[in-house]
Amino acid sequence: MQTTRIRTMSRYRAGRLTARFFLHLVLLALGLCMVFPLLWMVLSSFKPSLEVISVEFHLLPRTWTLRNYENVFEQLQMGRGYINSLVVAGSVTFFVLLSATAAGFLFSKLRFKGRELLFFVVLGSVMVPPQIVLIPLYFLISRFHWVNTYQGLIFPFMMNAFGIFLMRQTMHGIPNDLLEAAHMDGASDFRVYYSVILPLIRSSIAVLGILIFLWTWDEFLWPLVTITHNETKTLPLILSHFSQAEQKFPGESLAGATLVIGPVLLAYIFFQRHFVRGLSMTGMKG
């Protein structure tokens, strides 16, 4: 009897290990399929343009060259584009984190008349496609004389309804007893928000910060509408004009795309631990 039980347990464990092995194998294959285009783009940026468009496929360059990157920096204002994109993406991320955490605290922990209705309006704005408000936003920016300025690129995105919703759902998981204890010690609402709430949701703040930075860094439509001067063009706008003008030189286009995605990859690498932890915590509390 004992021998039969041991055999059954061994078969069960062997089956679990086999299933886990094939699961990891499938996940690895899917991961490689997702990473392969990015890897090909980075490696192909070191190939001559004729080698990029060659019918013979090979992942690694046969002739390594930095000429593509040299041409990009010679023909484009990449330095200015980096400054513009960093200023816009950094400013939008800061203001969104500030407004989203404050509004999330307001909607989750403070009670006032009309709170649920106001939150419903904020949540409903997520369903409005951004293309619908494009023309009214442009007229508003024109009235303020913010065309071709940083203000015109930053102001429309200083608040984000998805960020407010994410922060509200995250703060719902914080016990109210903790806030009441802070109030009993004489802490004000602002003190509770700054000293109690924010340290507890750092991972979720990291998730939102990375997402907002990524969305703003890749934003193309709004800068295309509001920016016409080269001095204030962001990297996606510069890269699009360059790609259209240099269709016969794909190596330079791939080098420019690699330079554009570099800061985003670095931001994810540095905040990867907080990003994964924040996603898991948000999923459990949501």
Protein backbone atom coordinates (compact mmCIF):
# COMPACT_ATOMS: atom_id res chain seq x y z
CA MET A 1 0.00 0.00 0.00
CA GLN A 2 2.75 2.39 0.94
CA THR A 3 4.69 1.53 -2.21
CA THR A 4 1.66 2.21 -4.40
CA ARG A 5 1.14 5.57 -2.75
CA ILE A 6 4.78 6.51 -3.28
CA ARG A 7 4.55 5.56 -6.95
CA THR A 8 1.38 7.62 -7.37
CA MET A 9 3.02 10.65 -5.77
CA SER A 10 6.10 10.24 -7.96
CA ARG A 11 3.99 10.09 -11.10
CA TYR A 12 2.04 13.15 -9.96
CA ARG A 13 5.23 15.11 -9.35
CA ALA A 14 6.71 13.97 -12.65
CA GLY A 15 3.54 15.07 -14.45
CA ARG A 16 3.66 18.47 -12.78
CA LEU A 17 7.31 18.93 -13.68
CA THR A 18 6.62 17.94 -17.29
CA ALA A 19 3.68 20.32 -17.53
CA ARG A 20 5.73 23.12 -15.99
CA PHE A 21 8.59 22.43 -18.41
CA PHE A 22 6.34 22.67 -21.47
CA LEU A 23 4.65 25.77 -20.05
CA HIS A 24 8.00 27.50 -19.64
CA LEU A 25 8.99 26.34 -23.11
CA VAL A 26 5.87 27.91 -24.63
CA LEU A 27 6.36 31.13 -22.66
CA LEU A 28 10.00 31.28 -23.77
CA ALA A 29 8.97 30.83 -27.41
CA LEU A 30 6.33 33.58 -27.11
CA GLY A 31 8.86 35.86 -25.41
CA LEU A 32 11.35 35.33 -28.20
CA CYS A 33 8.67 36.11 -30.79
CA MET A 34 7.97 39.41 -29.04
CA VAL A 35 11.62 40.36 -28.54
CA PHE A 36 12.84 39.30 -31.99
CA PRO A 37 11.63 42.40 -33.94
CA LEU A 38 13.25 44.70 -31.38
CA LEU A 39 16.47 42.70 -31.46
CA TRP A 40 16.48 42.72 -35.27
CA MET A 41 15.98 46.49 -35.32
CA VAL A 42 18.88 47.15 -32.94
CA LEU A 43 21.28 44.80 -34.76
CA SER A 44 20.20 46.03 -38.19
CA SER A 45 20.97 49.61 -37.17
CA PHE A 46 24.64 48.58 -37.33
CA LYS A 47 24.30 47.24 -40.89
CA PRO A 48 24.82 49.21 -44.11
CA SER A 49 21.51 50.10 -45.77
CA LEU A 50 22.15 47.74 -48.69
CA GLU A 51 22.63 44.88 -46.25
CA VAL A 52 19.38 45.75 -44.46
CA ILE A 53 17.28 45.45 -47.63
CA SER A 54 19.14 42.38 -48.89
CA VAL A 55 16.96 39.35 -49.74
CA GLU A 56 19.34 37.14 -47.76
CA PHE A 57 18.23 37.20 -44.14
CA HIS A 58 20.83 37.19 -41.40
CA LEU A 59 20.40 38.51 -37.89
CA LEU A 60 23.96 39.59 -37.12
CA PRO A 61 25.57 42.23 -39.35
CA ARG A 62 28.17 40.95 -41.76
CA THR A 63 29.70 44.42 -41.83
CA TRP A 64 29.47 46.35 -38.56
CA THR A 65 29.26 50.11 -39.01
CA LEU A 66 28.40 53.22 -36.99
CA ARG A 67 27.80 55.28 -40.09
CA ASN A 68 24.02 55.10 -39.65
CA TYR A 69 24.27 56.77 -36.23
CA GLU A 70 26.73 59.33 -37.55
CA ASN A 71 24.32 60.24 -40.37
CA VAL A 72 21.42 60.55 -37.93
CA PHE A 73 23.28 63.00 -35.71
CA GLU A 74 24.59 64.91 -38.73
CA GLN A 75 21.22 65.29 -40.45
CA LEU A 76 18.88 65.58 -37.46
CA GLN A 77 18.68 67.71 -34.35
CA MET A 78 18.69 64.62 -32.13
CA GLY A 79 20.16 66.45 -29.15
CA ARG A 80 17.43 69.08 -29.25
CA GLY A 81 14.82 66.38 -29.81
CA TYR A 82 16.01 64.49 -26.73
CA ILE A 83 15.78 67.64 -24.62
CA ASN A 84 12.27 68.42 -25.89
CA SER A 85 11.02 64.86 -25.34
CA LEU A 86 12.58 64.62 -21.88
CA VAL A 87 11.13 67.97 -20.79
CA VAL A 88 7.65 67.13 -22.08
CA ALA A 89 7.55 63.49 -20.91
CA GLY A 90 9.12 64.32 -17.54
CA SER A 91 6.78 67.25 -16.88
CA VAL A 92 3.66 65.33 -17.91
CA THR A 93 4.69 62.35 -15.75
CA PHE A 94 5.28 64.60 -12.73
CA PHE A 95 1.96 66.43 -13.03
CA VAL A 96 0.00 63.24 -13.72
CA LEU A 97 1.48 61.50 -10.67
CA LEU A 98 0.73 64.56 -8.53
CA SER A 99 -2.85 64.94 -9.74
CA ALA A 100 -3.62 61.20 -9.86
CA THR A 101 -2.41 60.47 -6.33
CA ALA A 102 -4.19 63.52 -4.93
CA ALA A 103 -7.45 62.72 -6.76
CA GLY A 104 -7.15 59.04 -5.85
CA PHE A 105 -6.84 59.99 -2.17
CA LEU A 106 -9.80 62.33 -2.55
CA PHE A 107 -12.07 59.72 -4.12
CA SER A 108 -11.02 56.78 -1.95
CA LYS A 109 -10.51 58.16 1.56
CA LEU A 110 -12.38 61.46 1.84
CA ARG A 111 -16.15 61.69 2.01
CA PHE A 112 -18.01 64.60 0.44
CA LYS A 113 -21.30 65.17 -1.33
CA GLY A 114 -21.30 64.14 -4.98
CA ARG A 115 -18.10 62.09 -4.70
CA GLU A 116 -19.42 59.06 -6.59
CA LEU A 117 -20.99 61.19 -9.31
CA LEU A 118 -17.79 63.16 -9.84
CA PHE A 119 -15.76 59.95 -10.01
CA PHE A 120 -18.23 58.53 -12.53
CA VAL A 121 -17.67 61.61 -14.71
CA VAL A 122 -13.89 61.19 -14.45
CA LEU A 123 -14.16 57.51 -15.27
CA GLY A 124 -16.48 58.23 -18.18
CA SER A 125 -13.87 60.47 -19.77
CA VAL A 126 -11.75 57.36 -20.38
CA MET A 127 -14.31 56.24 -22.96
CA VAL A 128 -13.92 59.43 -25.02
CA PRO A 129 -11.48 58.91 -27.93
CA PRO A 130 -8.72 61.55 -27.88
CA GLN A 131 -9.34 62.37 -31.56
CA ILE A 132 -12.74 63.83 -30.63
CA VAL A 133 -11.23 66.53 -28.39
CA LEU A 134 -8.30 67.23 -30.70
CA ILE A 135 -9.84 70.25 -32.44
CA PRO A 136 -11.28 71.89 -29.27
CA LEU A 137 -7.92 71.42 -27.54
CA TYR A 138 -6.11 73.02 -30.45
CA PHE A 139 -8.42 76.06 -30.39
CA LEU A 140 -7.84 76.34 -26.62
CA ILE A 141 -4.07 76.17 -27.05
CA SER A 142 -4.26 78.77 -29.84
CA ARG A 143 -6.21 81.15 -27.60
CA PHE A 144 -3.43 80.91 -25.01
CA HIS A 145 -0.78 81.38 -27.74
CA TRP A 146 0.83 78.09 -26.77
CA VAL A 147 1.35 76.69 -30.26
CA ASN A 148 4.99 75.63 -30.75
CA THR A 149 5.64 75.81 -27.00
CA TYR A 150 6.25 73.36 -24.19
CA GLN A 151 3.06 74.53 -22.49
CA GLY A 152 1.01 73.43 -25.48
CA LEU A 153 2.52 69.94 -25.32
CA ILE A 154 2.22 69.55 -21.54
CA PHE A 155 -1.02 71.27 -20.50
CA PRO A 156 -3.57 68.90 -22.20
CA PHE A 157 -2.04 65.83 -20.52
CA MET A 158 -1.45 67.08 -16.98
CA MET A 159 -4.36 64.96 -15.69
CA ASN A 160 -5.11 61.38 -16.65
CA ALA A 161 -8.38 59.62 -15.87
CA PHE A 162 -6.80 56.17 -16.00
CA GLY A 163 -4.18 57.28 -13.48
CA ILE A 164 -6.87 58.58 -11.11
CA PHE A 165 -8.74 55.29 -11.38
CA LEU A 166 -5.57 53.25 -10.76
CA MET A 167 -4.61 55.29 -7.69
CA ARG A 168 -8.14 55.12 -6.29
CA GLN A 169 -8.27 51.35 -6.62
CA THR A 170 -4.83 51.01 -5.04
CA MET A 171 -5.68 53.24 -2.08
CA HIS A 172 -8.87 51.28 -1.44
CA GLY A 173 -6.66 48.46 -0.18
CA ILE A 174 -5.19 50.64 2.60
CA PRO A 175 -7.09 50.08 5.89
CA ASN A 176 -9.01 53.10 7.13
CA ASP A 177 -7.91 52.27 10.68
CA LEU A 178 -4.40 53.33 9.73
CA LEU A 179 -5.65 56.74 8.63
CA GLU A 180 -7.80 57.14 11.71
CA ALA A 181 -4.80 56.41 13.92
CA ALA A 182 -2.83 59.10 12.10
CA HIS A 183 -5.69 61.58 12.58
CA MET A 184 -5.83 60.75 16.29
CA ASP A 185 -2.14 61.64 16.51
CA GLY A 186 -2.99 65.08 15.12
CA ALA A 187 -2.07 64.57 11.46
CA SER A 188 -3.95 66.62 8.88
CA ASP A 189 -5.36 65.19 5.66
CA PHE A 190 -2.36 66.49 3.73
CA ARG A 191 0.02 64.92 6.28
CA VAL A 192 -1.80 61.59 6.00
CA TYR A 193 -1.64 61.78 2.21
CA TYR A 194 2.06 62.69 2.13
CA SER A 195 3.46 60.64 5.03
CA VAL A 196 1.14 57.60 5.14
CA ILE A 197 -0.50 57.02 1.77
CA LEU A 198 2.32 57.80 -0.67
CA PRO A 199 4.97 55.53 0.95
CA LEU A 200 2.50 52.62 0.88
CA ILE A 201 1.75 52.90 -2.85
CA ARG A 202 5.25 53.50 -4.20
CA SER A 203 5.07 50.44 -6.46
CA SER A 204 1.80 51.55 -8.02
CA ILE A 205 3.22 55.05 -8.49
CA ALA A 206 6.18 53.48 -10.30
CA VAL A 207 3.80 51.57 -12.60
CA LEU A 208 1.82 54.68 -13.44
CA GLY A 209 4.96 56.76 -13.89
CA ILE A 210 6.47 54.30 -16.38
CA LEU A 211 3.22 54.01 -18.33
CA ILE A 212 2.68 57.77 -18.53
CA PHE A 213 6.30 58.41 -19.47
CA LEU A 214 6.06 55.76 -22.19
CA TRP A 215 2.78 57.10 -23.59
CA THR A 216 4.02 60.68 -23.59
CA TRP A 217 7.42 59.79 -25.04
CA ASP A 218 5.73 57.96 -27.95
CA GLU A 219 3.01 60.60 -28.49
CA PHE A 220 2.90 61.58 -32.14
CA LEU A 221 -0.52 62.98 -33.10
CA TRP A 222 -0.68 65.95 -30.71
CA PRO A 223 2.87 67.23 -31.44
CA LEU A 224 2.13 66.81 -35.15
CA VAL A 225 -0.86 69.16 -34.79
CA THR A 226 0.67 71.78 -32.50
CA ILE A 227 4.38 71.86 -33.45
CA THR A 228 5.77 73.30 -36.69
CA HIS A 229 9.11 74.75 -35.54
CA ASN A 230 12.13 72.46 -35.54
CA GLU A 231 13.27 73.86 -32.17
CA THR A 232 10.31 72.32 -30.32
CA LYS A 233 9.84 69.05 -32.22
CA THR A 234 9.90 65.88 -30.15
CA LEU A 235 11.76 62.72 -31.16
CA PRO A 236 8.80 60.82 -32.72
CA LEU A 237 8.06 63.85 -34.91
CA ILE A 238 11.68 64.22 -35.96
CA LEU A 239 11.95 60.50 -36.69
CA SER A 240 8.77 60.42 -38.79
CA HIS A 241 9.93 63.26 -41.04
CA PHE A 242 13.35 61.67 -41.33
CA SER A 243 11.90 58.25 -42.22
CA GLN A 244 9.72 59.77 -44.93
CA ALA A 245 12.63 61.71 -46.40
CA GLU A 246 15.13 58.83 -46.13
CA GLN A 247 13.11 55.88 -47.40
CA LYS A 248 16.08 54.75 -49.51
CA PHE A 249 18.30 54.57 -46.41
CA PRO A 250 16.61 52.19 -43.95
CA GLY A 251 19.78 51.82 -41.87
CA GLU A 252 19.54 55.45 -40.74
CA SER A 253 15.84 55.02 -39.92
CA LEU A 254 16.57 51.96 -37.77
CA ALA A 255 19.37 53.81 -36.00
CA GLY A 256 17.02 56.71 -35.26
CA ALA A 257 14.35 54.34 -33.94
CA THR A 258 16.91 52.65 -31.69
CA LEU A 259 17.93 56.02 -30.26
CA VAL A 260 14.27 56.90 -29.60
CA ILE A 261 13.43 53.73 -27.65
CA GLY A 262 16.68 53.77 -25.63
CA PRO A 263 15.50 55.96 -22.72
CA VAL A 264 12.27 53.96 -22.38
CA LEU A 265 14.18 50.69 -22.10
CA LEU A 266 16.54 52.21 -19.55
CA ALA A 267 13.62 53.53 -17.48
CA TYR A 268 12.01 50.08 -17.47
CA ILE A 269 15.29 48.34 -16.55
CA PHE A 270 15.86 50.64 -13.56
CA PHE A 271 12.26 50.42 -12.30
CA GLN A 272 11.49 46.84 -13.35
CA ARG A 273 11.22 45.53 -9.79
CA HIS A 274 8.76 48.25 -8.74
CA PHE A 275 6.88 47.88 -12.03
CA VAL A 276 6.25 44.13 -11.63
CA ARG A 277 5.44 44.45 -7.93
CA GLY A 278 3.05 47.32 -8.59
CA LEU A 279 1.21 45.39 -11.30
CA SER A 280 0.78 42.36 -9.04
CA MET A 281 -0.41 44.48 -6.09
CA THR A 282 -2.83 46.43 -8.28
CA GLY A 283 -4.23 43.18 -9.66
CA MET A 284 -4.85 41.80 -6.15
CA LYS A 285 -6.47 44.99 -4.86
CA GLY A 286 -8.48 45.88 -7.96
